[in-house]
Protein backbone atom coordinates (compact mmCIF):
# COMPACT_ATOMS: atom_id res chain seq x y z
CA MET A 1 2.53 7.62 0.47
CA PRO A 2 3.57 3.84 -0.08
CA GLU A 3 0.17 2.08 -2.17
CA LEU A 4 -1.02 -1.52 -2.33
CA PRO A 5 1.82 -2.58 -4.95
CA GLU A 6 4.31 -0.94 -3.42
CA VAL A 7 3.90 -2.70 -0.08
CA GLU A 8 3.62 -5.90 -2.24
CA THR A 9 6.76 -5.24 -3.84
CA SER A 10 8.52 -5.12 0.11
CA ARG A 11 6.83 -7.91 0.88
CA ALA A 12 8.17 -9.79 -2.15
CA GLY A 13 11.23 -8.19 -1.55
CA ILE A 14 12.14 -9.28 2.10
CA ALA A 15 10.12 -12.49 2.62
CA PRO A 16 12.78 -14.76 0.88
CA HIS A 17 15.92 -13.11 3.36
CA ILE A 18 14.19 -13.49 6.69
CA GLU A 19 11.12 -16.17 6.86
CA GLN A 20 12.17 -18.78 9.11
CA LYS A 21 14.94 -16.88 10.41
CA CYS A 22 14.92 -16.12 14.25
CA PHE A 23 15.05 -12.97 15.62
CA LYS A 24 18.28 -12.27 17.56
CA SER A 25 17.89 -8.61 18.65
CA VAL A 26 15.74 -5.36 17.80
CA ILE A 27 17.41 -2.12 17.89
CA VAL A 28 15.38 1.18 18.31
CA ARG A 29 16.56 4.15 17.20
CA GLU A 30 13.82 6.13 17.18
CA SER A 31 10.64 4.93 18.83
CA ARG A 32 8.58 7.68 18.41
CA LEU A 33 6.65 6.95 15.25
CA ARG A 34 3.03 7.44 14.29
CA TRP A 35 2.45 5.15 17.11
CA PRO A 36 5.24 4.69 20.39
CA VAL A 37 7.41 1.19 19.02
CA PRO A 38 6.52 -0.88 21.69
CA ALA A 39 9.09 -0.56 24.55
CA LEU A 40 9.47 -4.26 25.15
CA LEU A 41 9.56 -5.47 21.63
CA GLU A 42 12.97 -6.69 21.61
CA THR A 43 11.97 -9.20 25.24
CA THR A 44 9.08 -10.43 23.44
CA LEU A 45 10.77 -10.71 20.13
CA ALA A 46 14.16 -12.51 20.61
CA GLY A 47 14.89 -15.93 20.04
CA LEU A 48 11.48 -16.49 17.96
CA CYS A 49 11.31 -17.80 14.55
CA LEU A 50 9.74 -15.70 11.93
CA GLU A 51 7.03 -17.66 9.98
CA SER A 52 6.15 -15.96 7.07
CA VAL A 53 5.68 -12.57 5.56
CA ASN A 54 2.83 -11.38 4.67
CA ARG A 55 -0.07 -8.14 3.72
CA ARG A 56 -3.34 -7.42 4.96
CA GLY A 57 -4.05 -3.73 2.75
CA LYS A 58 -0.83 -1.46 3.39
CA TYR A 59 -0.26 -3.08 6.18
CA LEU A 60 2.86 -6.01 6.41
CA LEU A 61 2.48 -8.58 9.18
CA LEU A 62 5.47 -10.74 9.87
CA THR A 63 3.52 -13.78 11.70
CA THR A 64 5.58 -15.83 14.71
CA SER A 65 4.60 -18.27 17.05
CA ARG A 66 3.52 -16.46 19.38
CA GLY A 67 1.99 -13.22 17.78
CA THR A 68 2.39 -10.64 14.80
CA LEU A 69 4.54 -7.98 14.09
CA ILE A 70 2.79 -5.21 12.04
CA LEU A 71 4.97 -2.61 9.96
CA HIS A 72 3.32 0.40 8.14
CA LEU A 73 5.49 2.41 6.18
CA GLY A 74 3.52 5.54 6.30
CA MET A 75 4.08 8.64 3.92
CA SER A 76 7.91 7.84 3.13
CA GLY A 77 8.79 4.74 4.99
CA ASN A 78 10.89 1.72 3.12
CA LEU A 79 12.58 -1.65 4.16
CA ARG A 80 15.90 -2.85 3.06
CA ILE A 81 17.62 -6.11 3.88
CA THR A 82 21.26 -5.27 4.96
CA ASN A 83 23.44 -6.56 7.62
CA ARG A 84 25.44 -5.34 10.88
CA GLN A 85 28.34 -3.62 9.42
CA GLN A 86 26.60 -1.02 7.04
CA PRO A 87 26.23 1.81 9.04
CA ALA A 88 22.41 3.00 9.86
CA GLY A 89 21.66 6.30 8.32
CA LYS A 90 19.55 9.48 9.95
CA HIS A 91 15.98 8.16 8.90
CA ASP A 92 16.91 4.40 10.09
CA HIS A 93 14.82 4.36 13.11
CA VAL A 94 14.39 0.35 13.50
CA ASP A 95 16.98 -2.47 13.03
CA PHE A 96 15.34 -6.41 13.02
CA VAL A 97 18.36 -8.21 13.74
CA PHE A 98 18.33 -11.84 12.91
CA ALA A 99 20.30 -15.03 14.19
CA ASP A 100 22.22 -15.05 11.26
CA ASP A 101 23.31 -11.45 11.10
CA THR A 102 20.90 -10.39 8.08
CA VAL A 103 19.08 -7.24 9.19
CA LEU A 104 15.42 -5.93 8.13
CA ARG A 105 16.20 -2.09 8.30
CA PHE A 106 13.09 -0.19 8.59
CA ASN A 107 13.59 3.80 7.70
CA ASP A 108 10.97 6.10 7.44
CA GLN A 109 12.21 9.73 7.32
CA ARG A 110 8.53 11.50 7.98
CA LYS A 111 7.92 9.53 11.32
CA PHE A 112 4.09 8.04 10.23
CA GLY A 113 4.75 4.44 9.80
CA ALA A 114 4.43 2.20 12.35
CA VAL A 115 6.19 -0.74 13.91
CA LEU A 116 3.91 -2.84 16.58
CA TRP A 117 3.44 -5.71 18.40
CA TRP A 118 -0.22 -8.09 18.65
CA PRO A 119 0.05 -11.30 20.47
CA GLY A 120 -3.70 -12.11 19.05
CA LYS A 121 -5.47 -13.27 15.96
CA ILE A 122 -4.28 -10.81 13.50
CA GLU A 123 -7.63 -10.26 12.00
CA GLU A 124 -9.00 -8.71 15.13
CA HIS A 125 -6.54 -6.35 15.45
CA PRO A 126 -8.47 -2.97 15.27
CA LEU A 127 -6.49 -1.60 12.68
CA LEU A 128 -7.01 -4.61 10.61
CA ALA A 129 -10.69 -6.16 11.72
CA LYS A 130 -13.13 -3.29 9.80
CA LEU A 131 -10.99 -3.49 6.68
CA GLY A 132 -12.50 -4.29 3.12
CA PRO A 133 -11.84 -7.09 1.06
CA GLU A 134 -7.94 -7.62 -1.16
CA PRO A 135 -9.08 -5.85 -4.49
CA LEU A 136 -7.08 -8.74 -6.19
CA SER A 137 -9.16 -11.09 -4.37
CA ASP A 138 -12.49 -13.21 -6.05
CA ALA A 139 -14.27 -10.86 -3.41
CA PHE A 140 -13.50 -8.02 -5.03
CA ASP A 141 -16.13 -7.79 -8.21
CA GLY A 142 -18.78 -5.33 -9.89
CA ASN A 143 -21.55 -6.95 -8.07
CA TYR A 144 -19.80 -6.40 -4.41
CA LEU A 145 -18.67 -2.64 -5.42
CA GLN A 146 -22.40 -1.32 -6.66
CA MET A 147 -23.74 -3.49 -3.70
CA ARG A 148 -21.12 -1.26 -1.52
CA ALA A 149 -22.08 1.76 -2.99
CA GLY A 150 -26.23 1.64 -2.85
CA LYS A 151 -27.50 4.69 -3.33
CA ARG A 152 -24.81 6.89 -2.25
CA SER A 153 -23.83 10.26 -3.71
CA LEU A 154 -20.05 10.65 -2.80
CA PRO A 155 -17.86 10.58 -5.64
CA VAL A 156 -17.08 6.81 -6.75
CA LYS A 157 -13.44 7.70 -6.57
CA CYS A 158 -14.00 8.52 -2.84
CA LEU A 159 -16.00 4.83 -2.59
CA LEU A 160 -12.50 3.05 -4.55
CA MET A 161 -10.07 4.85 -1.77
CA ASP A 162 -12.33 3.77 1.39
CA SER A 163 -10.26 0.99 3.12
CA HIS A 164 -13.86 -0.33 4.23
CA ILE A 165 -14.94 -0.92 1.19
CA VAL A 166 -11.65 -2.22 -0.73
CA VAL A 167 -8.39 -1.88 0.91
CA GLY A 168 -5.06 -0.39 -0.44
CA VAL A 169 -6.54 1.22 -4.07
CA GLY A 170 -4.87 4.82 -2.96
CA ASN A 171 -4.69 8.03 -4.70
CA ILE A 172 -2.28 7.16 -7.78
CA TYR A 173 -4.02 3.66 -8.91
CA ALA A 174 -7.60 5.22 -8.03
CA ASN A 175 -7.07 8.07 -10.93
CA GLU A 176 -5.29 5.34 -13.20
CA ALA A 177 -8.03 2.32 -12.72
CA LEU A 178 -11.19 5.03 -13.14
CA PHE A 179 -9.48 6.57 -16.40
CA MET A 180 -8.76 2.88 -17.86
CA ALA A 181 -12.65 2.10 -16.75
CA GLY A 182 -13.84 5.20 -18.80
CA ILE A 183 -15.69 6.65 -15.38
CA HIS A 184 -15.23 10.25 -14.01
CA PRO A 185 -13.53 10.21 -11.40
CA GLY A 186 -16.22 12.97 -9.81
CA ARG A 187 -19.15 10.85 -10.65
CA PRO A 188 -21.68 9.84 -7.81
CA ALA A 189 -21.51 6.25 -6.61
CA GLY A 190 -25.14 5.46 -6.62
CA GLY A 191 -25.44 6.47 -10.33
CA ILE A 192 -22.90 4.04 -12.25
CA SER A 193 -24.37 1.06 -13.76
CA PRO A 194 -23.41 -3.29 -13.22
CA PRO A 195 -21.78 -3.10 -16.13
CA ARG A 196 -20.05 0.00 -15.92
CA TYR A 197 -18.94 -1.38 -12.13
CA ALA A 198 -17.33 -4.77 -13.55
CA ALA A 199 -14.98 -2.66 -15.82
CA LEU A 200 -13.95 -0.67 -13.11
CA VAL A 201 -13.39 -3.46 -10.70
CA GLU A 202 -11.68 -5.44 -13.55
CA ALA A 203 -9.84 -2.29 -14.11
CA VAL A 204 -8.11 -1.48 -10.71
CA LYS A 205 -7.10 -5.27 -10.56
CA THR A 206 -5.31 -4.54 -13.90
CA VAL A 207 -3.34 -1.54 -12.77
CA LEU A 208 -2.52 -3.19 -9.73
CA ARG A 209 -1.41 -5.90 -10.88
CA GLN A 210 0.91 -4.32 -13.59
CA ALA A 211 1.90 -1.64 -10.98
CA ILE A 212 3.30 -5.00 -8.99
CA ASP A 213 4.86 -6.30 -11.69
CA GLN A 214 7.05 -3.49 -12.39
CA GLY A 215 7.81 -2.35 -8.70
CA GLY A 216 5.38 0.24 -8.20
CA THR A 217 5.43 3.58 -8.22
CA THR A 218 8.51 5.91 -7.69
CA LEU A 219 6.88 9.54 -6.43
CA ARG A 220 9.14 11.37 -3.96
CA ASP A 221 10.85 8.03 -2.73
CA PHE A 222 10.04 5.07 -2.68
CA THR A 223 12.21 2.36 -3.16
CA ASN A 224 12.42 -1.35 -2.95
CA ALA A 225 13.87 -4.01 -0.66
CA GLN A 226 17.10 -3.70 -2.12
CA GLY A 227 16.89 0.09 -2.93
CA LYS A 228 16.09 -0.06 -6.68
CA PRO A 229 12.96 2.81 -7.64
CA GLY A 230 9.44 1.12 -8.55
CA TYR A 231 9.01 2.06 -12.36
CA PHE A 232 5.44 2.02 -12.81
CA GLN A 233 5.87 5.95 -12.98
CA GLN A 234 6.79 5.73 -16.92
CA SER A 235 3.20 3.99 -17.61
CA LEU A 236 0.93 6.35 -15.96
CA ASN A 237 -1.59 7.57 -18.13
CA VAL A 238 -2.87 10.35 -16.20
CA TYR A 239 -1.88 10.90 -12.54
CA GLY A 240 0.48 14.22 -12.22
CA ARG A 241 -0.01 14.76 -16.34
CA ALA A 242 -2.68 17.67 -15.76
CA ASN A 243 -2.48 19.58 -18.90
CA GLN A 244 -1.17 16.86 -21.11
CA PRO A 245 -2.72 15.29 -23.52
CA CYS A 246 -4.88 12.26 -23.14
CA PRO A 247 -3.10 8.83 -23.98
CA ASN A 248 -6.53 8.17 -26.04
CA CYS A 249 -8.36 11.50 -27.94
CA GLU A 250 -5.11 13.81 -27.25
CA LYS A 251 -7.03 16.61 -24.95
CA PRO A 252 -5.57 18.04 -22.28
CA LEU A 253 -6.20 16.63 -18.97
CA GLU A 254 -7.68 18.08 -16.36
CA GLN A 255 -6.62 18.34 -12.47
CA ILE A 256 -9.57 18.91 -9.87
CA LYS A 257 -9.71 18.15 -5.91
CA ILE A 258 -11.66 15.87 -4.75
CA ALA A 259 -12.28 15.00 -0.91
CA GLN A 260 -8.86 17.31 -0.24
CA ARG A 261 -6.50 14.94 -3.32
CA ALA A 262 -5.73 15.44 -6.44
CA SER A 263 -8.23 13.89 -9.18
CA TYR A 264 -6.55 13.53 -12.88
CA PHE A 265 -8.84 12.78 -15.24
CA CYS A 266 -10.15 13.29 -19.70
CA SER A 267 -13.08 14.93 -19.59
CA SER A 268 -13.77 13.43 -23.22
CA CYS A 269 -13.31 9.86 -21.99
CA GLN A 270 -14.29 10.25 -18.94
CA LEU A 271 -18.23 10.16 -18.39
């Protein structure tokens, strides 16, 4: 599933090609995504100019003067910049055609993504209203994370992956950040000291920035707006490396399931 770095990579890739351009038409080949594509989307967007392309958590927000187009890549979605001459593929479900015939093409093999429209204040949309702070913002720091942990007994990895606590830290990057901070993923969130939470927050920020710099992680079929893969997978220390040597101590890495998600760690380096 595309995580925050992949979504940010997509945002940065498409924005220069479509910002300040006006929508000419919308071609919907498949409306049955995670939620139905709005039936009047083409009528709604026709003639509107795209002011900016932003991101909130894993949602892409295409802002116009009359509302916001919300895109979510789901489990396997991606966005491509192309043109009307490029034939659509089997899983190319929606084309956003601009006045200069630039096309933003939404592809989603598993149909878990979303194309939605919201005419009101975007921060009030039900999908966004209760999201936690952005992990790369100043609002996300060690004091905040410890405060949200309180005396809770849930695993710290689950705390990191709760979008109401902090947005966009999915399974891959939670594993990597916990390894960098030397914290066992199953450790109770309420039993971690302030200095260790400060180290964990810095690890989250470092891992995410590195992944964004490298264009995200290629697992299964993620590609960016130009169809190129992300390369952060080559830098993964623990994710997907069960039984391989730990980069620090060379002890075999272990894998367990926490909240039904695969968790990778070193039992010597992460306490």
